[in-house]
Amino acid sequence: MIHECTIDHGLNRLSAHFGARVRIRPPATAASLAELEKTVGPLPRDLTIFLSTCDGLRVDVAGSSPGFHLWHVEEILAAIRSGKASPSGGNLVPVRGELGGERDWLIFENGPARGAVVRCDPWAPGAELVGSSFGCYLGNWISFLIANFDPDGQPRKGVDPVTFDAAFASALDEELLKMVDRQEVKQWLRQLDRAVSSGADFE
């Protein structure tokens, strides 16, 4: 119930602020969710609820880019099947970003950061966590959009732009703030950066 409320509340906030500028796709089918799960393993409940509510979405704001779009199931599967998916042996699943560059990934591998969302470019070091779970990540991303853009999709006047990064997300996500302070999580991020810089587990 808590998961459903979190996802619904976030999507309602987004729609209430941006109205028709939010382009929400129809819910993912049971078959497409089963195909995704067959490919990547059991899905976190937050992600399942999101995709069952809307199979990806886009917010039309000034300077629209891949940053204002959450991927749908077919985009996720296409990225994985392209061989351009994960710098971590297939255990990261992309949910937002550019196919050929920096993306936000849901962490599927067992370890201290499982279930969190990490931002990383498969070709460059600098990985950072931007959500303690997919549900929290969604809320963080929505808060970033509302903080930066008015209801007409224009940059807010007289307001310094904020960046959707680890610092912004940690200020909103108490569990993330605790997570990024843990030594085992810092070590995991360093290992991910080393895999990226060496090309290990990535084609």
Protein backbone atom coordinates (compact mmCIF):
# COMPACT_ATOMS: atom_id res chain seq x y z
CA MET A 1 0.00 0.00 0.00
CA ILE A 2 2.82 2.42 0.87
CA HIS A 3 4.47 1.75 -2.51
CA GLU A 4 1.23 2.42 -4.41
CA CYS A 5 0.66 5.67 -2.50
CA THR A 6 4.22 6.85 -3.19
CA ILE A 7 3.99 6.24 -6.94
CA ASP A 8 0.47 7.67 -7.25
CA HIS A 9 1.35 10.73 -5.17
CA GLY A 10 4.40 11.45 -7.33
CA LEU A 11 2.52 11.12 -10.61
CA ASN A 12 -0.35 13.24 -9.26
CA ARG A 13 2.14 15.98 -8.25
CA LEU A 14 3.69 15.93 -11.70
CA SER A 15 0.34 16.12 -13.49
CA ALA A 16 -1.03 18.79 -11.16
CA HIS A 17 1.98 21.01 -11.88
CA PHE A 18 2.55 20.44 -15.60
CA GLY A 19 -0.90 19.33 -16.78
CA ALA A 20 -0.97 18.30 -20.44
CA ARG A 21 2.81 18.72 -20.66
CA VAL A 22 3.08 15.33 -18.95
CA ARG A 23 2.78 12.63 -21.59
CA ILE A 24 1.96 9.41 -19.75
CA ARG A 25 1.98 6.15 -21.69
CA PRO A 26 -0.65 3.47 -21.12
CA PRO A 27 0.20 0.78 -18.54
CA ALA A 28 2.64 -1.94 -19.56
CA THR A 29 1.01 -5.22 -20.49
CA ALA A 30 1.45 -8.32 -18.36
CA ALA A 31 3.34 -9.89 -21.28
CA SER A 32 5.86 -7.03 -21.53
CA LEU A 33 6.42 -7.02 -17.77
CA ALA A 34 6.97 -10.79 -17.88
CA GLU A 35 9.48 -10.34 -20.72
CA LEU A 36 11.38 -7.71 -18.74
CA GLU A 37 11.42 -9.89 -15.65
CA LYS A 38 12.59 -12.86 -17.71
CA THR A 39 15.47 -10.73 -19.00
CA VAL A 40 16.62 -8.97 -15.81
CA GLY A 41 15.16 -11.00 -12.94
CA PRO A 42 12.47 -10.17 -10.37
CA LEU A 43 11.44 -6.52 -10.56
CA PRO A 44 11.37 -4.27 -7.48
CA ARG A 45 7.79 -3.63 -6.41
CA ASP A 46 8.12 0.14 -6.98
CA LEU A 47 9.15 -0.37 -10.60
CA THR A 48 6.38 -2.90 -11.22
CA ILE A 49 3.78 -0.50 -9.83
CA PHE A 50 5.14 2.38 -11.92
CA LEU A 51 5.16 0.39 -15.17
CA SER A 52 1.73 -1.05 -14.38
CA THR A 53 0.46 2.51 -13.90
CA CYS A 54 2.27 4.09 -16.85
CA ASP A 55 4.77 2.43 -19.14
CA GLY A 56 7.15 5.39 -19.18
CA LEU A 57 6.46 9.11 -19.42
CA ARG A 58 7.81 12.34 -20.85
CA VAL A 59 7.56 15.93 -19.59
CA ASP A 60 7.58 18.61 -22.29
CA VAL A 61 9.59 21.51 -20.90
CA ALA A 62 11.96 24.07 -22.39
CA GLY A 63 15.07 22.43 -23.76
CA SER A 64 13.50 18.99 -23.67
CA SER A 65 16.11 16.27 -23.69
CA PRO A 66 16.46 12.61 -22.67
CA GLY A 67 16.65 13.91 -19.09
CA PHE A 68 12.93 14.63 -19.08
CA HIS A 69 11.85 11.16 -20.11
CA LEU A 70 11.47 7.94 -18.10
CA TRP A 71 11.93 4.89 -20.30
CA HIS A 72 9.23 2.37 -21.16
CA VAL A 73 9.72 -1.40 -21.15
CA GLU A 74 10.61 -1.70 -24.84
CA GLU A 75 13.28 1.01 -24.54
CA ILE A 76 14.78 -0.76 -21.53
CA LEU A 77 14.81 -4.11 -23.32
CA ALA A 78 16.22 -2.58 -26.51
CA ALA A 79 19.10 -1.01 -24.56
CA ILE A 80 19.88 -4.29 -22.85
CA ARG A 81 19.74 -6.28 -26.09
CA SER A 82 21.89 -3.74 -27.94
CA GLY A 83 24.89 -4.70 -25.85
CA LYS A 84 25.14 -1.08 -24.70
CA ALA A 85 23.35 -1.59 -21.44
CA SER A 86 25.36 -2.21 -18.32
CA PRO A 87 28.92 -1.52 -17.18
CA SER A 88 28.34 -3.98 -14.34
CA GLY A 89 27.86 -7.37 -15.92
CA GLY A 90 24.20 -6.86 -16.77
CA ASN A 91 23.14 -6.10 -13.19
CA LEU A 92 22.15 -2.48 -13.83
CA VAL A 93 18.91 -1.72 -15.66
CA PRO A 94 18.58 1.70 -17.39
CA VAL A 95 15.48 3.78 -16.63
CA ARG A 96 16.39 7.27 -17.89
CA GLY A 97 19.04 9.08 -19.91
CA GLU A 98 20.89 8.81 -23.21
CA LEU A 99 21.51 5.46 -24.85
CA GLY A 100 25.04 6.49 -25.75
CA GLY A 101 25.94 8.35 -22.57
CA GLU A 102 25.01 9.09 -18.97
CA ARG A 103 22.02 7.17 -17.65
CA ASP A 104 20.21 6.42 -14.42
CA TRP A 105 20.20 2.71 -13.63
CA LEU A 106 18.27 0.55 -11.17
CA ILE A 107 20.71 -1.70 -9.32
CA PHE A 108 19.73 -5.38 -9.53
CA GLU A 109 22.91 -7.01 -8.27
CA ASN A 110 23.14 -8.28 -4.71
CA GLY A 111 25.15 -5.98 -2.52
CA PRO A 112 24.95 -2.87 -0.36
CA ALA A 113 23.20 -0.74 -2.99
CA ARG A 114 20.66 -3.27 -4.33
CA GLY A 115 17.37 -1.60 -5.25
CA ALA A 116 18.88 1.91 -5.37
CA VAL A 117 19.31 4.03 -8.50
CA VAL A 118 22.81 4.98 -9.67
CA ARG A 119 23.79 7.61 -12.25
CA CYS A 120 26.71 6.63 -14.40
CA ASP A 121 28.10 6.91 -17.89
CA PRO A 122 29.29 3.52 -19.20
CA TRP A 123 32.29 5.26 -20.76
CA ALA A 124 33.34 7.59 -17.93
CA PRO A 125 33.87 7.39 -14.16
CA GLY A 126 31.82 9.44 -11.71
CA ALA A 127 29.03 7.12 -10.53
CA GLU A 128 26.68 8.50 -7.87
CA LEU A 129 23.47 7.33 -6.22
CA VAL A 130 20.36 9.42 -6.93
CA GLY A 131 17.66 7.37 -5.20
CA SER A 132 17.49 4.79 -2.39
CA SER A 133 14.74 2.99 -4.36
CA PHE A 134 12.91 3.50 -7.62
CA GLY A 135 9.95 5.08 -5.81
CA CYS A 136 12.19 7.58 -4.01
CA TYR A 137 14.08 8.25 -7.23
CA LEU A 138 10.82 9.06 -9.00
CA GLY A 139 9.89 11.50 -6.22
CA ASN A 140 13.33 13.11 -6.33
CA TRP A 141 13.15 13.55 -10.12
CA ILE A 142 9.66 15.06 -9.93
CA SER A 143 10.78 17.50 -7.21
CA PHE A 144 13.70 18.53 -9.43
CA LEU A 145 11.40 19.25 -12.38
CA ILE A 146 8.94 21.27 -10.29
CA ALA A 147 11.79 23.22 -8.68
CA ASN A 148 13.24 24.17 -12.10
CA PHE A 149 10.21 24.71 -14.32
CA ASP A 150 6.95 26.60 -14.02
CA PRO A 151 3.60 25.06 -15.12
CA ASP A 152 4.19 26.35 -18.67
CA GLY A 153 7.39 24.33 -18.88
CA GLN A 154 9.63 27.40 -18.77
CA PRO A 155 12.62 27.85 -16.44
CA ARG A 156 11.49 29.55 -13.25
CA LYS A 157 12.34 33.26 -13.27
CA GLY A 158 14.41 34.64 -10.44
CA VAL A 159 15.24 31.16 -9.17
CA ASP A 160 18.72 29.67 -9.36
CA PRO A 161 18.53 26.40 -11.34
CA VAL A 162 19.05 23.24 -9.31
CA THR A 163 20.80 20.13 -10.59
CA PHE A 164 19.35 16.66 -10.26
CA ASP A 165 22.35 15.01 -8.68
CA ALA A 166 23.36 13.09 -5.55
CA ALA A 167 23.37 16.23 -3.38
CA PHE A 168 19.86 17.25 -4.47
CA ALA A 169 18.48 13.72 -4.08
CA SER A 170 20.08 13.14 -0.67
CA ALA A 171 18.41 16.26 0.73
CA LEU A 172 15.01 14.71 -0.06
CA ASP A 173 15.73 11.02 0.48
CA GLU A 174 16.64 10.16 4.06
CA GLU A 175 17.52 6.55 3.25
CA LEU A 176 19.81 7.69 0.45
CA LEU A 177 21.56 10.08 2.81
CA LYS A 178 22.30 7.15 5.13
CA MET A 179 23.26 4.87 2.25
CA VAL A 180 25.88 7.14 0.66
CA ASP A 181 27.65 7.43 4.00
CA ARG A 182 28.24 3.69 4.32
CA GLN A 183 31.74 2.48 3.52
CA GLU A 184 30.51 -0.61 1.67
CA VAL A 185 28.43 1.59 -0.63
CA LYS A 186 31.36 3.92 -1.29
CA GLN A 187 33.46 0.87 -2.12
CA TRP A 188 30.77 -0.45 -4.49
CA LEU A 189 30.72 2.89 -6.34
CA ARG A 190 34.52 2.87 -6.62
CA GLN A 191 34.37 -0.65 -8.07
CA LEU A 192 31.77 0.47 -10.59
CA ASP A 193 34.01 3.38 -11.62
CA ARG A 194 36.93 0.98 -12.04
CA ALA A 195 34.80 -1.32 -14.22
CA VAL A 196 33.84 1.67 -16.36
CA SER A 197 37.38 2.97 -16.76
CA SER A 198 38.76 -0.47 -17.63
CA GLY A 199 35.86 -1.54 -19.81
CA ALA A 200 35.32 -4.62 -17.64
CA ASP A 201 31.98 -6.41 -18.09
CA PHE A 202 31.00 -3.94 -20.77
CA GLU A 203 30.88 -4.15 -24.54
